[in-house]
Amino acid sequence: MIETSPDFSSAAFPLKNHDAWMQHALSLAAQAADEGEVPVGAVLVKDGECLGEGWNRPIAEHDPSAHAEIRALRAAAQRMGNYRLPGTVLYVTLEPCVMCAGAMIHARIEHLVFGAFDPKTGAAGSVFSLLQDARHNHQIQVSGGILEAACAQTLRDFFRARRRAS
């Protein structure tokens, strides 16, 4: 696990809770896999309450923006009646892409917790470090590698099965 925020407060975001929320995100990723989508799940939490959740559905929705993170942000924004979501923690099974990172910045997410790193398109430290760039008017605390092995295995299993089927 990595902490990419020097001011990360374990009191504000205790690690013991991260595992439980990431397990929930993994269950959402399984939903995506069941639908033939890349298995990524996301849960947005504030004060121990789930505000929104989502799983990848770009194929089913014919929408390139229907990533798990975007769907969780949309659900939470609708529930809260505001596109700003301060004080929230987003749990996602795969390091977000550039599109999702931008949406998180605009939504004013406080903390991103992700599972597997994405060495090809990751925007939370692997390829790009967008979430903590001082040029933005909002920076997001980042914790990566939470339940990394399980999150990465979910993706490997999905793509292995897809290759076998083709």
C-alpha atoms as a PDB file:
ATOM      1  CA  MET A   1       0.000   0.000   0.000  1.00  0.00           C
ATOM      2  CA  ILE A   2       1.178   3.510  -0.714  1.00  0.00           C
ATOM      3  CA  GLU A   3       0.159   6.822   0.727  1.00  0.00           C
ATOM      4  CA  THR A   4       0.771   9.601  -1.754  1.00  0.00           C
ATOM      5  CA  SER A   5      -0.424  12.389   0.480  1.00  0.00           C
ATOM      6  CA  PRO A   6       1.999  13.682   3.108  1.00  0.00           C
ATOM      7  CA  ASP A   7      -0.878  15.024   5.206  1.00  0.00           C
ATOM      8  CA  PHE A   8      -2.907  11.792   5.115  1.00  0.00           C
ATOM      9  CA  SER A   9      -4.647  11.410   8.454  1.00  0.00           C
ATOM     10  CA  SER A  10      -5.160   7.845   9.578  1.00  0.00           C
ATOM     11  CA  ALA A  11      -7.472   9.181  12.296  1.00  0.00           C
ATOM     12  CA  ALA A  12      -9.757  10.718   9.680  1.00  0.00           C
ATOM     13  CA  PHE A  13      -9.634   7.661   7.404  1.00  0.00           C
ATOM     14  CA  PRO A  14      -8.771   4.589   9.498  1.00  0.00           C
ATOM     15  CA  LEU A  15      -7.329   1.755   7.410  1.00  0.00           C
ATOM     16  CA  LYS A  16      -9.560  -0.828   9.077  1.00  0.00           C
ATOM     17  CA  ASN A  17     -12.557   0.698   7.283  1.00  0.00           C
ATOM     18  CA  HIS A  18     -10.809   0.756   3.927  1.00  0.00           C
ATOM     19  CA  ASP A  19     -10.874  -3.024   3.591  1.00  0.00           C
ATOM     20  CA  ALA A  20     -14.621  -3.298   4.169  1.00  0.00           C
ATOM     21  CA  TRP A  21     -15.483  -0.582   1.632  1.00  0.00           C
ATOM     22  CA  MET A  22     -13.033  -2.034  -0.881  1.00  0.00           C
ATOM     23  CA  GLN A  23     -14.686  -5.437  -0.445  1.00  0.00           C
ATOM     24  CA  HIS A  24     -17.979  -3.760  -1.342  1.00  0.00           C
ATOM     25  CA  ALA A  25     -16.347  -2.201  -4.415  1.00  0.00           C
ATOM     26  CA  LEU A  26     -15.082  -5.663  -5.377  1.00  0.00           C
ATOM     27  CA  SER A  27     -18.640  -7.001  -5.202  1.00  0.00           C
ATOM     28  CA  LEU A  28     -19.683  -4.238  -7.605  1.00  0.00           C
ATOM     29  CA  ALA A  29     -16.776  -5.150  -9.882  1.00  0.00           C
ATOM     30  CA  ALA A  30     -18.159  -8.700  -9.957  1.00  0.00           C
ATOM     31  CA  GLN A  31     -21.473  -7.245 -11.147  1.00  0.00           C
ATOM     32  CA  ALA A  32     -19.626  -5.578 -14.031  1.00  0.00           C
ATOM     33  CA  ALA A  33     -17.898  -8.855 -14.922  1.00  0.00           C
ATOM     34  CA  ASP A  34     -21.253 -10.672 -14.872  1.00  0.00           C
ATOM     35  CA  GLU A  35     -22.478  -8.141 -17.440  1.00  0.00           C
ATOM     36  CA  GLY A  36     -19.400  -8.632 -19.646  1.00  0.00           C
ATOM     37  CA  GLU A  37     -17.880  -5.292 -18.647  1.00  0.00           C
ATOM     38  CA  VAL A  38     -14.344  -4.730 -17.370  1.00  0.00           C
ATOM     39  CA  PRO A  39     -14.672  -5.525 -13.643  1.00  0.00           C
ATOM     40  CA  VAL A  40     -14.241  -2.214 -11.855  1.00  0.00           C
ATOM     41  CA  GLY A  41     -16.410  -1.140  -8.933  1.00  0.00           C
ATOM     42  CA  ALA A  42     -16.605   2.117  -6.990  1.00  0.00           C
ATOM     43  CA  VAL A  43     -18.241   3.295  -3.760  1.00  0.00           C
ATOM     44  CA  LEU A  44     -18.459   6.890  -2.515  1.00  0.00           C
ATOM     45  CA  VAL A  45     -18.644   7.212   1.266  1.00  0.00           C
ATOM     46  CA  LYS A  46     -19.162  10.067   3.702  1.00  0.00           C
ATOM     47  CA  ASP A  47     -19.195   9.677   7.475  1.00  0.00           C
ATOM     48  CA  GLY A  48     -19.457   5.900   7.175  1.00  0.00           C
ATOM     49  CA  GLU A  49     -22.464   6.036   4.820  1.00  0.00           C
ATOM     50  CA  CYS A  50     -22.572   4.990   1.178  1.00  0.00           C
ATOM     51  CA  LEU A  51     -23.721   7.968  -0.908  1.00  0.00           C
ATOM     52  CA  GLY A  52     -23.313   6.355  -4.315  1.00  0.00           C
ATOM     53  CA  GLU A  53     -21.927   3.298  -6.019  1.00  0.00           C
ATOM     54  CA  GLY A  54     -21.273   2.099  -9.517  1.00  0.00           C
ATOM     55  CA  TRP A  55     -19.628  -0.461 -11.736  1.00  0.00           C
ATOM     56  CA  ASN A  56     -18.345  -0.218 -15.278  1.00  0.00           C
ATOM     57  CA  ARG A  57     -21.121  -0.100 -17.912  1.00  0.00           C
ATOM     58  CA  PRO A  58     -19.793   1.702 -20.998  1.00  0.00           C
ATOM     59  CA  ILE A  59     -20.761  -1.187 -23.291  1.00  0.00           C
ATOM     60  CA  ALA A  60     -24.274  -1.659 -21.916  1.00  0.00           C
ATOM     61  CA  GLU A  61     -25.007   2.071 -21.767  1.00  0.00           C
ATOM     62  CA  HIS A  62     -23.263   2.928 -25.058  1.00  0.00           C
ATOM     63  CA  ASP A  63     -21.476   5.609 -23.068  1.00  0.00           C
ATOM     64  CA  PRO A  64     -17.687   5.992 -22.941  1.00  0.00           C
ATOM     65  CA  SER A  65     -18.036   7.920 -19.675  1.00  0.00           C
ATOM     66  CA  ALA A  66     -19.946   5.149 -17.844  1.00  0.00           C
ATOM     67  CA  HIS A  67     -16.961   4.162 -15.716  1.00  0.00           C
ATOM     68  CA  ALA A  68     -17.565   2.907 -12.182  1.00  0.00           C
ATOM     69  CA  GLU A  69     -16.236   6.116 -10.631  1.00  0.00           C
ATOM     70  CA  ILE A  70     -18.387   8.401 -12.784  1.00  0.00           C
ATOM     71  CA  ARG A  71     -21.494   6.347 -12.057  1.00  0.00           C
ATOM     72  CA  ALA A  72     -20.798   6.482  -8.294  1.00  0.00           C
ATOM     73  CA  LEU A  73     -20.224  10.250  -8.442  1.00  0.00           C
ATOM     74  CA  ARG A  74     -23.430  10.771 -10.449  1.00  0.00           C
ATOM     75  CA  ALA A  75     -25.490   8.709  -7.997  1.00  0.00           C
ATOM     76  CA  ALA A  76     -24.076  10.590  -5.008  1.00  0.00           C
ATOM     77  CA  ALA A  77     -24.551  14.001  -6.631  1.00  0.00           C
ATOM     78  CA  GLN A  78     -28.187  13.178  -7.391  1.00  0.00           C
ATOM     79  CA  ARG A  79     -28.728  11.977  -3.842  1.00  0.00           C
ATOM     80  CA  MET A  80     -27.070  15.049  -2.316  1.00  0.00           C
ATOM     81  CA  GLY A  81     -28.570  17.517  -4.786  1.00  0.00           C
ATOM     82  CA  ASN A  82     -25.133  18.979  -5.453  1.00  0.00           C
ATOM     83  CA  TYR A  83     -22.267  18.206  -7.813  1.00  0.00           C
ATOM     84  CA  ARG A  84     -19.782  19.120  -5.080  1.00  0.00           C
ATOM     85  CA  LEU A  85     -19.110  16.199  -2.756  1.00  0.00           C
ATOM     86  CA  PRO A  86     -16.656  17.487  -0.118  1.00  0.00           C
ATOM     87  CA  GLY A  87     -15.610  15.300   2.791  1.00  0.00           C
ATOM     88  CA  THR A  88     -16.093  12.094   0.817  1.00  0.00           C
ATOM     89  CA  VAL A  89     -13.925   9.065   0.190  1.00  0.00           C
ATOM     90  CA  LEU A  90     -14.079   7.244  -3.135  1.00  0.00           C
ATOM     91  CA  TYR A  91     -13.150   3.554  -3.102  1.00  0.00           C
ATOM     92  CA  VAL A  92     -12.394   2.050  -6.490  1.00  0.00           C
ATOM     93  CA  THR A  93     -10.895  -1.300  -7.396  1.00  0.00           C
ATOM     94  CA  LEU A  94      -8.611   0.094 -10.138  1.00  0.00           C
ATOM     95  CA  GLU A  95      -6.555   3.274 -10.220  1.00  0.00           C
ATOM     96  CA  PRO A  96      -8.680   5.890 -12.028  1.00  0.00           C
ATOM     97  CA  CYS A  97      -8.087   7.143 -15.559  1.00  0.00           C
ATOM     98  CA  VAL A  98      -7.634  10.798 -16.536  1.00  0.00           C
ATOM     99  CA  MET A  99     -11.374  11.303 -17.166  1.00  0.00           C
ATOM    100  CA  CYS A 100     -12.357   9.955 -13.771  1.00  0.00           C
ATOM    101  CA  ALA A 101      -9.577  11.877 -12.006  1.00  0.00           C
ATOM    102  CA  GLY A 102     -10.863  15.109 -13.547  1.00  0.00           C
ATOM    103  CA  ALA A 103     -14.402  14.383 -12.392  1.00  0.00           C
ATOM    104  CA  MET A 104     -13.146  13.701  -8.860  1.00  0.00           C
ATOM    105  CA  ILE A 105     -11.331  17.033  -8.778  1.00  0.00           C
ATOM    106  CA  HIS A 106     -14.443  18.899  -9.952  1.00  0.00           C
ATOM    107  CA  ALA A 107     -16.569  17.064  -7.372  1.00  0.00           C
ATOM    108  CA  ARG A 108     -14.097  17.996  -4.611  1.00  0.00           C
ATOM    109  CA  ILE A 109     -13.625  14.428  -3.397  1.00  0.00           C
ATOM    110  CA  GLU A 110     -11.418  14.503  -0.303  1.00  0.00           C
ATOM    111  CA  HIS A 111      -9.759  11.103  -0.527  1.00  0.00           C
ATOM    112  CA  LEU A 112      -9.323   8.402  -3.169  1.00  0.00           C
ATOM    113  CA  VAL A 113      -8.642   4.839  -2.066  1.00  0.00           C
ATOM    114  CA  PHE A 114      -7.878   2.398  -4.881  1.00  0.00           C
ATOM    115  CA  GLY A 115      -6.896  -1.235  -5.138  1.00  0.00           C
ATOM    116  CA  ALA A 116      -4.926  -2.224  -8.248  1.00  0.00           C
ATOM    117  CA  PHE A 117      -2.466   0.103  -9.947  1.00  0.00           C
ATOM    118  CA  ASP A 118      -2.904   0.817 -13.668  1.00  0.00           C
ATOM    119  CA  PRO A 119       0.538   1.052 -15.277  1.00  0.00           C
ATOM    120  CA  LYS A 120      -0.950   2.020 -18.668  1.00  0.00           C
ATOM    121  CA  THR A 121      -3.491   4.748 -17.908  1.00  0.00           C
ATOM    122  CA  GLY A 122      -3.450   5.350 -14.143  1.00  0.00           C
ATOM    123  CA  ALA A 123      -3.923   9.012 -13.247  1.00  0.00           C
ATOM    124  CA  ALA A 124      -3.341   8.741  -9.490  1.00  0.00           C
ATOM    125  CA  GLY A 125       0.410   8.187  -9.586  1.00  0.00           C
ATOM    126  CA  SER A 126       1.213   5.323 -11.957  1.00  0.00           C
ATOM    127  CA  VAL A 127       1.339   7.264 -15.246  1.00  0.00           C
ATOM    128  CA  PHE A 128      -0.051  10.672 -14.304  1.00  0.00           C
ATOM    129  CA  SER A 129      -0.351  12.363 -10.907  1.00  0.00           C
ATOM    130  CA  LEU A 130      -3.361  14.565 -11.555  1.00  0.00           C
ATOM    131  CA  LEU A 131      -5.069  14.411  -8.184  1.00  0.00           C
ATOM    132  CA  GLN A 132      -2.394  16.214  -6.209  1.00  0.00           C
ATOM    133  CA  ASP A 133      -1.138  18.634  -8.842  1.00  0.00           C
ATOM    134  CA  ALA A 134      -0.781  22.035  -7.162  1.00  0.00           C
ATOM    135  CA  ARG A 135      -1.950  23.724 -10.362  1.00  0.00           C
ATOM    136  CA  HIS A 136      -5.494  22.540  -9.649  1.00  0.00           C
ATOM    137  CA  ASN A 137      -7.646  24.451  -7.200  1.00  0.00           C
ATOM    138  CA  HIS A 138      -8.342  21.208  -5.321  1.00  0.00           C
ATOM    139  CA  GLN A 139      -6.059  18.308  -4.421  1.00  0.00           C
ATOM    140  CA  ILE A 140      -7.176  14.844  -3.357  1.00  0.00           C
ATOM    141  CA  GLN A 141      -5.515  12.580  -0.814  1.00  0.00           C
ATOM    142  CA  VAL A 142      -4.603   9.248  -2.399  1.00  0.00           C
ATOM    143  CA  SER A 143      -4.100   5.775  -0.920  1.00  0.00           C
ATOM    144  CA  GLY A 144      -3.272   3.022  -3.384  1.00  0.00           C
ATOM    145  CA  GLY A 145      -2.835  -0.709  -3.051  1.00  0.00           C
ATOM    146  CA  ILE A 146      -5.715  -1.434  -0.658  1.00  0.00           C
ATOM    147  CA  LEU A 147      -6.632  -5.104  -1.263  1.00  0.00           C
ATOM    148  CA  GLU A 148      -4.397  -4.806  -4.307  1.00  0.00           C
ATOM    149  CA  ALA A 149      -3.949  -8.554  -4.816  1.00  0.00           C
ATOM    150  CA  ALA A 150      -7.698  -9.251  -4.870  1.00  0.00           C
ATOM    151  CA  CYS A 151      -8.439  -6.278  -7.126  1.00  0.00           C
ATOM    152  CA  ALA A 152      -5.684  -7.190  -9.585  1.00  0.00           C
ATOM    153  CA  GLN A 153      -6.714 -10.859  -9.597  1.00  0.00           C
ATOM    154  CA  THR A 154     -10.285  -9.906 -10.478  1.00  0.00           C
ATOM    155  CA  LEU A 155      -9.007  -8.082 -13.562  1.00  0.00           C
ATOM    156  CA  ARG A 156      -6.582 -10.858 -14.541  1.00  0.00           C
ATOM    157  CA  ASP A 157      -9.285 -13.514 -14.247  1.00  0.00           C
ATOM    158  CA  PHE A 158     -11.682 -11.475 -16.394  1.00  0.00           C
ATOM    159  CA  PHE A 159      -9.199 -10.881 -19.201  1.00  0.00           C
ATOM    160  CA  ARG A 160      -7.933 -14.483 -19.064  1.00  0.00           C
ATOM    161  CA  ALA A 161     -11.501 -15.742 -19.510  1.00  0.00           C
ATOM    162  CA  ARG A 162     -12.092 -13.259 -22.336  1.00  0.00           C
ATOM    163  CA  ARG A 163      -8.955 -14.428 -24.170  1.00  0.00           C
ATOM    164  CA  ARG A 164      -9.999 -18.072 -23.792  1.00  0.00           C
ATOM    165  CA  ALA A 165     -13.438 -17.324 -25.178  1.00  0.00           C
ATOM    166  CA  SER A 166     -12.060 -15.653 -28.315  1.00  0.00           C
END
